Amino acid sequence: MKAKPESIRSARDPRYDTLRGLFLICMTVNHLPTELRWVTDQSLGFFTAAEGFVFLSGLMAGMVYTRKLRAGGPGALWTAVLGRTKTIYAWHIASFVGALACVVLTEYACGYCSPAAPRLFFEHPLAALGLGATLLYQPGLLDLLPMYCVFVLFLPAVIRGIESGRRWLVLSASVLLWLVAQWAPAAGSLRTYPINTGSFSLLAWQLIFVAGVAIGHAGISGRPQVARPSRLAVLCAASVAIYGFGVQQAHWPALWPDAVFGVLLNKPALGLLRLADFGCVAYLVAIVGARFPSLLASRTLELIGRNSLAVVATQSVAITALLQFPALFATAADRTLVAVGTVALLLCVAAARQGLVGTLLHPAAASPLSPEGSRRLNQAAWPTSG
C-alpha cells in the first residue's frame, strides 16, 4: 500500500541537522579570538550563523508542532510546547550555573577575575543566579536559549493561525513587530544593569523564527516552494547574495551612506539588509539542497545538529571558562588549537548524548552517502522541494 504523503514527510531530514550542526560550529568559533573566524563569521555576506540557526529552529518547529496539532488537536500541541519549553529552560539553567561556577571557581583559585567574565558573576553571584533563573540576566553566550524559550511558547498561536488559513495575517503581524524594533530598538530588549535580557531583540528576531515556522508548515502541507524556482527570483537572490559577499570579502563600495548602512546591518535589531541577504542566500541553499540533497548531508554535522541544546549549553560554559585565561590565546597556533579543541568537545558531547561513539569510530557504517543514507535523503521532508 502506498504511504500517505505526510507519513513519508515525518522522517527527520538529515539536511536540517547538518546545517544546524554547521551553524553551531560557526557560532562556537565566532565566540573565540581565533583567525578561523575569517571562515566562520559573515564569510558569505552580512549575516552570521545565528540567523541560520534561529531560522532552521523555526522551520523544524513548524514541521514538528504542526503534526502535533493535526494528530492530537490544540491540547496535544500545548502539551508538546510546554514540554519543549521546560527542556530548553532546563538546559539554559544548566549552562548558566555551569558558566557562573567557572567564573567563581576561577576567581577563588587564581585570586582574580577576568574582564571577559560577565560582570555580575563576580560582583554578585547570588543575584546573578536569581536574575538568570528568571531570564532577567542574559550575558553574552547565555542569551540564545532564553530567546528560543520565548519563541517556542508562542508557537501554538502562530501555528494555529497559519493552520486556520490566516498565514498572511500571521506573517504581517510578525513583520509589524520587526518594524517596531527598527524604529525603537530598545523595545525588544532591556539592558539596565544589572538587568540584561540579552543582545537579541525579541521583536526583531521573532520574524526570522516565524518565517521558518511558516515554511516548515507549508513543507509538510505539500506546498512546493522552490521545486520550480523562477529565473527572475533566482537572479534577484543571486544578485543580493553576490553583493553581500563582495562587500564583505572584496570591500566593494556601499550603496548607502555609512550611517544608514550601519542601521541596515544592525544585528540585535536584525537590520533590513542583513535580513534580505540572509533570505536570499537561504533561498539559494534551499534550491541546491532540493536538487542535490547529498551535498547538505554530513554524518558528523548531523550528529551535532541533532543534539543542539546540549551543544549550545556546552559551548556557553566552555567558552566562558576559556576566555578567562588570555594565555591560551597568545599565538595564532594557540588560538587555532583552542578553537579546534572546543569544537571537538562539542562533538564528544553530541556523541555521548546520542550514544554514537562507536558510529563515530566507524562512520562508513551509517554514512548518509551509503544506500541506507541515500534512501533517507530521498524520503526526507525537505519542505522547499515540494
Protein backbone atom coordinates (compact mmCIF):
# COMPACT_ATOMS: atom_id res chain seq x y z
CA MET A 1 0.00 0.00 0.00
CA LYS A 2 1.34 3.43 -0.92
CA ALA A 3 2.30 5.55 2.06
CA LYS A 4 0.46 8.81 2.68
CA PRO A 5 2.47 11.91 1.78
CA GLU A 6 2.65 13.14 5.36
CA SER A 7 3.81 9.78 6.68
CA ILE A 8 6.75 9.95 4.29
CA ARG A 9 7.44 13.51 5.37
CA SER A 10 7.51 12.52 9.02
CA ALA A 11 11.09 11.24 8.70
CA ARG A 12 13.70 13.55 10.19
CA ASP A 13 15.60 15.29 7.44
CA PRO A 14 19.39 14.93 7.88
CA ARG A 15 19.98 18.09 5.84
CA TYR A 16 18.43 20.31 8.52
CA ASP A 17 20.51 18.77 11.26
CA THR A 18 23.63 19.01 9.10
CA LEU A 19 23.07 22.73 8.58
CA ARG A 20 22.28 23.28 12.26
CA GLY A 21 25.47 21.45 13.19
CA LEU A 22 27.44 23.65 10.81
CA PHE A 23 25.87 26.79 12.29
CA LEU A 24 26.66 25.66 15.82
CA ILE A 25 30.31 25.12 14.95
CA CYS A 26 30.47 28.55 13.32
CA MET A 27 28.82 30.18 16.35
CA THR A 28 31.32 28.47 18.66
CA VAL A 29 34.35 29.58 16.66
CA ASN A 30 32.93 33.11 16.33
CA HIS A 31 32.94 33.49 20.11
CA LEU A 32 36.66 32.77 20.31
CA PRO A 33 39.55 35.13 19.37
CA THR A 34 40.83 32.98 16.52
CA GLU A 35 41.83 33.57 12.92
CA LEU A 36 39.38 30.83 11.95
CA ARG A 37 36.65 33.43 12.27
CA TRP A 38 37.65 34.59 8.80
CA VAL A 39 35.94 31.42 7.56
CA THR A 40 33.03 31.21 10.03
CA ASP A 41 32.00 34.82 10.72
CA GLN A 42 29.98 36.53 7.96
CA SER A 43 32.07 34.84 5.29
CA LEU A 44 29.15 34.66 2.82
CA GLY A 45 27.62 38.06 3.43
CA PHE A 46 26.20 40.38 6.07
CA PHE A 47 24.64 37.67 8.24
CA THR A 48 26.02 35.24 10.80
CA ALA A 49 25.36 31.63 11.73
CA ALA A 50 22.90 32.80 14.42
CA GLU A 51 20.36 33.84 11.78
CA GLY A 52 20.58 30.43 10.15
CA PHE A 53 20.25 28.59 13.44
CA VAL A 54 17.16 30.55 14.55
CA PHE A 55 15.55 30.20 11.11
CA LEU A 56 16.11 26.44 11.00
CA SER A 57 14.84 26.09 14.57
CA GLY A 58 11.63 27.79 13.48
CA LEU A 59 11.37 25.69 10.33
CA MET A 60 11.77 22.41 12.19
CA ALA A 61 9.36 23.60 14.90
CA GLY A 62 6.80 24.41 12.22
CA MET A 63 7.02 20.87 10.89
CA VAL A 64 7.04 19.09 14.24
CA TYR A 65 4.32 21.04 16.01
CA THR A 66 2.00 21.24 13.03
CA ARG A 67 1.98 17.44 13.13
CA LYS A 68 1.23 17.60 16.86
CA LEU A 69 -1.74 19.87 16.21
CA ARG A 70 -3.12 17.71 13.41
CA ALA A 71 -2.63 14.47 15.30
CA GLY A 72 -3.93 15.47 18.74
CA GLY A 73 -5.53 18.89 18.48
CA PRO A 74 -4.76 22.08 20.44
CA GLY A 75 -4.36 20.18 23.73
CA ALA A 76 -1.62 17.95 22.35
CA LEU A 77 0.08 20.98 20.81
CA TRP A 78 0.14 22.86 24.11
CA THR A 79 1.41 19.82 25.98
CA ALA A 80 4.24 19.34 23.49
CA VAL A 81 5.15 23.03 23.51
CA LEU A 82 5.22 23.24 27.31
CA GLY A 83 7.35 20.12 27.48
CA ARG A 84 9.81 21.54 24.97
CA THR A 85 9.94 24.88 26.78
CA LYS A 86 10.76 23.14 30.06
CA THR A 87 13.56 21.22 28.36
CA ILE A 88 15.06 24.36 26.82
CA TYR A 89 14.79 26.19 30.15
CA ALA A 90 16.49 23.31 31.97
CA TRP A 91 19.42 23.40 29.55
CA HIS A 92 19.64 27.18 29.96
CA ILE A 93 19.79 26.86 33.76
CA ALA A 94 22.41 24.13 33.46
CA SER A 95 24.60 26.27 31.20
CA PHE A 96 24.06 29.38 33.34
CA VAL A 97 25.04 27.61 36.55
CA GLY A 98 28.00 25.99 34.81
CA ALA A 99 29.28 29.32 33.46
CA LEU A 100 28.76 31.02 36.82
CA ALA A 101 30.63 28.22 38.60
CA CYS A 102 33.57 28.56 36.18
CA VAL A 103 33.89 32.27 36.94
CA VAL A 104 33.52 31.91 40.72
CA LEU A 105 35.92 28.97 40.95
CA THR A 106 38.49 30.73 38.78
CA GLU A 107 38.31 33.81 41.00
CA TYR A 108 38.70 31.65 44.11
CA ALA A 109 41.59 29.62 42.71
CA CYS A 110 43.53 32.40 40.96
CA GLY A 111 42.65 35.39 43.09
CA TYR A 112 41.45 37.47 40.17
CA CYS A 113 38.58 37.62 37.72
CA SER A 114 38.98 38.19 34.02
CA PRO A 115 37.26 41.24 32.48
CA ALA A 116 35.95 38.82 29.86
CA ALA A 117 33.69 37.26 32.53
CA PRO A 118 30.15 38.61 33.00
CA ARG A 119 30.38 41.46 35.49
CA LEU A 120 27.56 40.36 37.77
CA PHE A 121 29.01 36.86 38.04
CA PHE A 122 31.94 38.01 40.16
CA GLU A 123 30.36 41.10 41.73
CA HIS A 124 27.12 39.50 42.99
CA PRO A 125 26.98 35.78 42.07
CA LEU A 126 23.80 35.07 44.06
CA ALA A 127 21.99 37.99 42.41
CA ALA A 128 23.21 36.75 39.04
CA LEU A 129 21.83 33.30 39.79
CA GLY A 130 18.41 34.67 40.79
CA LEU A 131 18.14 37.00 37.81
CA GLY A 132 19.37 34.28 35.48
CA ALA A 133 16.69 31.91 36.69
CA THR A 134 14.01 34.50 35.82
CA LEU A 135 15.66 35.27 32.45
CA LEU A 136 16.36 38.84 33.56
CA TYR A 137 20.12 38.43 33.28
CA GLN A 138 21.39 37.02 30.00
CA PRO A 139 25.02 37.97 29.43
CA GLY A 140 26.83 37.12 26.23
CA LEU A 141 26.81 33.40 25.32
CA LEU A 142 23.78 32.85 27.57
CA ASP A 143 21.05 34.65 25.64
CA LEU A 144 20.25 32.23 22.82
CA LEU A 145 18.32 29.57 24.76
CA PRO A 146 16.12 32.11 26.63
CA MET A 147 15.11 33.64 23.30
CA TYR A 148 14.32 30.17 21.98
CA CYS A 149 12.21 29.54 25.11
CA VAL A 150 10.06 32.60 24.44
CA PHE A 151 9.60 31.81 20.76
CA VAL A 152 8.52 28.22 21.46
CA LEU A 153 5.90 29.44 23.95
CA PHE A 154 4.24 31.45 21.18
CA LEU A 155 4.21 28.53 18.73
CA PRO A 156 0.58 27.48 19.41
CA ALA A 157 -0.74 30.91 18.43
CA VAL A 158 1.47 31.07 15.32
CA ILE A 159 0.77 27.54 14.11
CA ARG A 160 -2.96 27.65 14.78
CA GLY A 161 -3.16 30.95 12.95
CA ILE A 162 -1.36 29.54 9.92
CA GLU A 163 -3.32 26.29 10.04
CA SER A 164 -6.64 28.18 10.06
CA GLY A 165 -5.78 29.90 6.78
CA ARG A 166 -4.52 33.19 8.23
CA ARG A 167 -0.93 32.68 7.09
CA TRP A 168 -0.53 36.20 5.69
CA LEU A 169 -2.11 37.76 8.76
CA VAL A 170 0.40 35.96 10.99
CA LEU A 171 3.32 36.99 8.78
CA SER A 172 2.07 40.58 8.58
CA ALA A 173 1.86 40.80 12.37
CA SER A 174 5.39 39.41 12.58
CA VAL A 175 6.69 41.99 10.10
CA LEU A 176 4.94 44.75 12.07
CA LEU A 177 6.75 43.71 15.26
CA TRP A 178 10.01 43.67 13.33
CA LEU A 179 9.33 47.23 12.12
CA VAL A 180 8.75 48.34 15.70
CA ALA A 181 12.21 47.02 16.57
CA GLN A 182 13.73 49.03 13.70
CA TRP A 183 12.23 52.30 14.88
CA ALA A 184 12.55 51.59 18.60
CA PRO A 185 15.48 49.16 19.05
CA ALA A 186 15.26 49.27 22.84
CA ALA A 187 11.70 47.92 22.75
CA GLY A 188 12.84 44.36 22.12
CA SER A 189 15.35 44.09 24.96
CA LEU A 190 16.19 45.61 28.33
CA ARG A 191 19.78 46.44 29.32
CA THR A 192 19.87 48.44 32.55
CA TYR A 193 22.48 46.96 34.87
CA PRO A 194 22.04 44.51 36.45
CA ILE A 195 19.04 43.69 34.24
CA ASN A 196 20.09 42.34 30.86
CA THR A 197 17.62 40.48 28.65
CA GLY A 198 20.20 39.66 26.01
CA SER A 199 21.69 41.16 22.89
CA PHE A 200 18.93 39.84 20.60
CA SER A 201 15.82 41.98 20.14
CA LEU A 202 12.92 39.58 20.58
CA LEU A 203 10.65 41.79 18.49
CA ALA A 204 13.09 41.64 15.59
CA TRP A 205 14.36 38.08 15.74
CA GLN A 206 10.88 36.60 16.02
CA LEU A 207 10.44 37.43 12.32
CA ILE A 208 13.11 35.02 11.17
CA PHE A 209 11.75 32.33 13.51
CA VAL A 210 8.12 32.84 12.41
CA ALA A 211 9.18 32.80 8.75
CA GLY A 212 10.81 29.43 9.41
CA VAL A 213 7.63 28.16 11.08
CA ALA A 214 5.56 29.21 8.07
CA ILE A 215 7.90 27.48 5.63
CA GLY A 216 8.01 24.34 7.76
CA HIS A 217 4.20 24.28 7.90
CA ALA A 218 3.98 24.70 4.12
CA GLY A 219 6.53 21.97 3.58
CA ILE A 220 4.60 19.23 5.37
CA SER A 221 1.37 20.50 3.83
CA GLY A 222 2.70 19.55 0.40
CA ARG A 223 3.12 23.08 -0.97
CA PRO A 224 6.05 23.26 -3.39
CA GLN A 225 8.14 26.40 -2.85
CA VAL A 226 11.34 26.09 -4.86
CA ALA A 227 10.71 22.91 -6.78
CA ARG A 228 10.49 25.07 -9.92
CA PRO A 229 12.03 28.42 -8.96
CA SER A 230 11.56 31.26 -11.41
CA ARG A 231 14.65 32.51 -13.16
CA LEU A 232 13.87 36.07 -12.09
CA ALA A 233 13.69 35.08 -8.41
CA VAL A 234 16.97 33.19 -8.66
CA LEU A 235 18.63 36.12 -10.47
CA CYS A 236 17.46 38.63 -7.85
CA ALA A 237 18.52 36.39 -4.95
CA ALA A 238 21.90 35.74 -6.54
CA SER A 239 22.45 39.47 -7.13
CA VAL A 240 21.82 40.31 -3.46
CA ALA A 241 23.97 37.38 -2.32
CA ILE A 242 26.86 38.34 -4.62
CA TYR A 243 26.70 41.96 -3.49
CA GLY A 244 26.79 40.94 0.18
CA PHE A 245 29.73 38.65 -0.47
CA GLY A 246 31.54 41.34 -2.44
CA VAL A 247 31.16 43.98 0.27
CA GLN A 248 32.34 41.58 2.98
CA GLN A 249 35.18 39.87 1.16
CA ALA A 250 36.23 42.21 -1.69
CA HIS A 251 35.42 45.52 0.03
CA TRP A 252 33.03 46.70 -2.65
CA PRO A 253 31.65 50.22 -2.06
CA ALA A 254 28.45 50.55 -0.05
CA LEU A 255 25.35 51.80 -1.86
CA TRP A 256 24.23 53.97 1.08
CA PRO A 257 25.84 56.45 3.48
CA ASP A 258 27.76 54.81 6.30
CA ALA A 259 25.22 55.82 8.96
CA VAL A 260 22.29 54.30 7.08
CA PHE A 261 24.35 51.29 6.06
CA GLY A 262 25.14 50.57 9.70
CA VAL A 263 21.45 50.63 10.61
CA LEU A 264 20.62 48.27 7.77
CA LEU A 265 23.22 45.81 9.07
CA ASN A 266 22.29 46.08 12.75
CA LYS A 267 22.46 42.59 14.25
CA PRO A 268 20.50 42.99 17.52
CA ALA A 269 17.57 44.54 15.62
CA LEU A 270 18.08 42.33 12.54
CA GLY A 271 18.51 45.19 10.04
CA LEU A 272 16.85 45.11 6.63
CA LEU A 273 19.94 44.45 4.54
CA ARG A 274 21.14 41.73 6.92
CA LEU A 275 17.69 40.10 6.77
CA ALA A 276 17.42 40.39 2.98
CA ASP A 277 20.90 38.98 2.41
CA PHE A 278 20.21 36.01 4.66
CA GLY A 279 16.86 35.36 2.99
CA CYS A 280 18.40 35.34 -0.48
CA VAL A 281 21.25 33.04 0.48
CA ALA A 282 18.83 30.71 2.30
CA TYR A 283 16.65 30.60 -0.82
CA LEU A 284 19.60 29.61 -2.99
CA VAL A 285 20.74 26.98 -0.48
CA ALA A 286 17.20 25.56 -0.45
CA ILE A 287 17.29 25.17 -4.24
CA VAL A 288 20.66 23.43 -4.11
CA GLY A 289 19.51 21.21 -1.24
CA ALA A 290 16.38 20.20 -3.14
CA ARG A 291 18.25 19.22 -6.29
CA PHE A 292 21.45 17.83 -4.77
CA PRO A 293 20.48 16.55 -1.30
CA SER A 294 23.71 14.69 -0.63
CA LEU A 295 25.64 17.98 -0.73
CA LEU A 296 23.96 19.03 2.51
CA ALA A 297 24.41 15.77 4.39
CA SER A 298 27.26 15.12 6.79
CA ARG A 299 27.14 12.44 9.46
CA THR A 300 29.33 14.42 11.86
CA LEU A 301 27.49 17.73 11.45
CA GLU A 302 24.14 15.96 11.62
CA LEU A 303 25.12 14.45 14.95
CA ILE A 304 25.90 17.89 16.37
CA GLY A 305 22.69 19.36 14.97
CA ARG A 306 20.54 16.62 16.45
CA ASN A 307 21.82 17.47 19.91
CA SER A 308 21.72 21.23 19.58
CA LEU A 309 20.54 22.04 23.11
CA ALA A 310 23.37 20.10 24.74
CA VAL A 311 25.86 21.59 22.29
CA VAL A 312 24.70 25.19 22.86
CA ALA A 313 24.85 24.70 26.63
CA THR A 314 28.31 23.11 26.44
CA GLN A 315 29.82 25.79 24.24
CA SER A 316 28.46 28.52 26.53
CA VAL A 317 30.19 27.03 29.56
CA ALA A 318 33.37 26.06 27.73
CA ILE A 319 33.90 29.47 26.12
CA THR A 320 33.11 31.33 29.35
CA ALA A 321 35.79 29.26 31.06
CA LEU A 322 38.38 29.59 28.26
CA LEU A 323 38.08 33.35 27.85
CA GLN A 324 39.22 33.87 31.43
CA PHE A 325 42.74 32.75 30.51
CA PRO A 326 44.30 35.08 27.89
CA ALA A 327 47.46 32.98 27.84
CA LEU A 328 45.53 30.30 25.96
CA PHE A 329 45.25 32.70 23.02
CA ALA A 330 48.79 34.10 22.98
CA THR A 331 49.71 32.93 19.47
CA ALA A 332 47.85 32.09 16.29
CA ALA A 333 48.68 28.42 16.78
CA ASP A 334 47.31 28.54 20.33
CA ARG A 335 44.12 30.22 19.18
CA THR A 336 43.58 27.68 16.43
CA LEU A 337 44.28 24.76 18.75
CA VAL A 338 41.80 26.04 21.35
CA ALA A 339 39.11 26.56 18.72
CA VAL A 340 39.60 23.09 17.23
CA GLY A 341 39.65 21.54 20.69
CA THR A 342 36.41 23.29 21.64
CA VAL A 343 34.69 22.01 18.50
CA ALA A 344 35.99 18.52 19.27
CA LEU A 345 34.48 18.82 22.76
CA LEU A 346 31.09 19.65 21.22
CA LEU A 347 31.32 16.59 19.01
CA CYS A 348 32.13 14.39 22.00
CA VAL A 349 29.15 15.80 23.92
CA ALA A 350 26.84 15.20 20.97
CA ALA A 351 28.16 11.66 20.55
CA ALA A 352 27.71 10.92 24.24
CA ARG A 353 24.15 12.25 24.12
CA GLN A 354 23.36 10.18 21.06
CA GLY A 355 25.24 7.11 22.21
CA LEU A 356 27.13 7.01 18.94
CA VAL A 357 30.77 6.86 19.94
CA GLY A 358 31.08 3.59 18.05
CA THR A 359 29.45 5.14 15.00
CA LEU A 360 32.00 7.96 15.02
CA LEU A 361 34.82 5.41 15.03
CA HIS A 362 33.22 3.62 12.06
CA PRO A 363 31.40 6.39 10.13
CA ALA A 364 31.07 4.37 6.93
CA ALA A 365 28.52 2.15 8.64
CA ALA A 366 25.98 4.95 8.77
CA SER A 367 27.18 7.46 6.21
CA PRO A 368 24.39 9.45 4.51
CA LEU A 369 26.05 8.54 1.22
CA SER A 370 25.53 4.83 1.82
CA PRO A 371 22.47 3.10 0.28
CA GLU A 372 20.60 3.49 3.56
CA GLY A 373 21.65 7.13 3.81
CA SER A 374 20.54 7.80 0.23
CA ARG A 375 17.16 6.26 0.96
CA ARG A 376 16.76 8.53 3.99
CA LEU A 377 17.62 11.61 1.94
CA ASN A 378 15.19 10.70 -0.82
CA GLN A 379 12.34 10.23 1.65
CA ALA A 380 13.18 13.11 3.98
CA ALA A 381 10.91 16.12 4.32
CA TRP A 382 12.73 18.98 2.61
CA PRO A 383 9.74 21.34 2.54
CA THR A 384 11.20 23.64 -0.05
CA SER A 385 11.42 20.79 -2.55
CA GLY A 386 7.71 20.41 -2.79
